[in-house]
Amino acid sequence: MTSTRVFRTESIDLAAFLTSAGHELTICCAPDSRRALFQFVETEALHQAIVSFESGAQQPAKRLLNIRSRLYREASQVVRGGACL
């Protein structure tokens, strides 16, 4: 049986970048915390996108800001409700 590996981050900026690059995410509450966790299925393409982000790669600013705003709203709902989206 194969298990799916998951990459988790609390960084909304990284989550917005990865989402803008086409990676799907799930938002959950961090265990024993009132903080949101952004989760992505680990793939080679995801790792390449993370390296690009860390290297200063750019995405269109308006798109990033729109995605970041949406993620902020969704993460706030998850934290208030204590559930996963």
Protein backbone atom coordinates (compact mmCIF):
# COMPACT_ATOMS: atom_id res chain seq x y z
CA MET A 1 0.00 0.00 0.00
CA THR A 2 1.36 3.41 -0.97
CA SER A 3 0.86 6.43 1.22
CA THR A 4 0.72 9.95 -0.13
CA ARG A 5 3.36 12.26 1.28
CA VAL A 6 2.26 15.77 2.15
CA PHE A 7 4.24 19.02 2.32
CA ARG A 8 2.94 21.44 4.98
CA THR A 9 3.69 25.10 5.51
CA GLU A 10 2.34 27.96 7.60
CA SER A 11 3.68 30.46 5.04
CA ILE A 12 0.78 32.07 3.20
CA ASP A 13 3.24 33.62 0.74
CA LEU A 14 4.67 30.21 -0.21
CA ALA A 15 1.16 28.73 -0.36
CA ALA A 16 0.01 31.52 -2.69
CA PHE A 17 3.07 31.02 -4.91
CA LEU A 18 2.52 27.26 -5.13
CA THR A 19 -1.20 27.69 -5.79
CA SER A 20 -0.41 30.25 -8.49
CA ALA A 21 1.93 27.68 -10.05
CA GLY A 22 -0.99 25.23 -10.30
CA HIS A 23 -0.58 23.08 -7.20
CA GLU A 24 -3.75 22.18 -5.29
CA LEU A 25 -3.85 22.64 -1.55
CA THR A 26 -5.83 21.70 1.51
CA ILE A 27 -6.09 24.02 4.50
CA CYS A 28 -6.17 22.52 8.00
CA CYS A 29 -5.63 23.70 11.54
CA ALA A 30 -2.22 23.00 12.99
CA PRO A 31 -2.44 20.47 15.84
CA ASP A 32 -2.81 22.16 19.25
CA SER A 33 -2.74 25.59 17.61
CA ARG A 34 -4.95 28.36 16.24
CA ARG A 35 -2.84 28.59 13.07
CA ALA A 36 -3.64 27.38 9.57
CA LEU A 37 -1.52 24.83 7.76
CA PHE A 38 -1.39 24.80 3.98
CA GLN A 39 -0.91 21.25 2.70
CA PHE A 40 0.21 20.09 -0.74
CA VAL A 41 0.75 16.59 -2.12
CA GLU A 42 4.50 16.10 -2.49
CA THR A 43 5.64 15.72 -6.08
CA GLU A 44 8.83 16.49 -7.94
CA ALA A 45 7.07 19.46 -9.57
CA LEU A 46 6.11 20.79 -6.12
CA HIS A 47 9.72 20.52 -4.94
CA GLN A 48 10.89 22.39 -8.05
CA ALA A 49 8.32 25.14 -7.36
CA ILE A 50 9.51 25.44 -3.74
CA VAL A 51 13.11 25.79 -4.93
CA SER A 52 11.98 28.44 -7.43
CA PHE A 53 10.18 30.35 -4.66
CA GLU A 54 13.23 30.20 -2.39
CA SER A 55 15.39 31.39 -5.29
CA GLY A 56 13.22 34.48 -5.76
CA ALA A 57 11.18 33.42 -8.79
CA GLN A 58 8.33 35.75 -9.68
CA GLN A 59 4.65 35.19 -10.46
CA PRO A 60 2.28 37.89 -11.75
CA ALA A 61 1.72 40.23 -8.79
CA LYS A 62 -2.02 40.70 -9.19
CA ARG A 63 -2.58 36.95 -9.43
CA LEU A 64 -0.46 36.33 -6.31
CA LEU A 65 -2.30 39.03 -4.35
CA ASN A 66 -5.70 37.68 -5.36
CA ILE A 67 -4.74 34.13 -4.39
CA ARG A 68 -3.17 35.31 -1.14
CA SER A 69 -6.35 37.21 -0.21
CA ARG A 70 -8.49 34.15 -0.98
CA LEU A 71 -6.21 31.88 1.05
CA TYR A 72 -6.32 34.32 3.97
CA ARG A 73 -10.13 34.26 3.98
CA GLU A 74 -10.29 30.47 3.66
CA ALA A 75 -7.64 29.93 6.35
CA SER A 76 -9.49 32.27 8.71
CA GLN A 77 -12.67 30.24 8.25
CA VAL A 78 -10.82 26.98 8.90
CA VAL A 79 -9.19 28.29 12.08
CA ARG A 80 -12.50 29.67 13.38
CA GLY A 81 -14.28 26.40 12.59
CA GLY A 82 -11.44 24.08 13.58
CA ALA A 83 -11.92 21.95 10.44
CA CYS A 84 -10.18 21.22 7.16
CA LEU A 85 -11.20 22.53 3.76
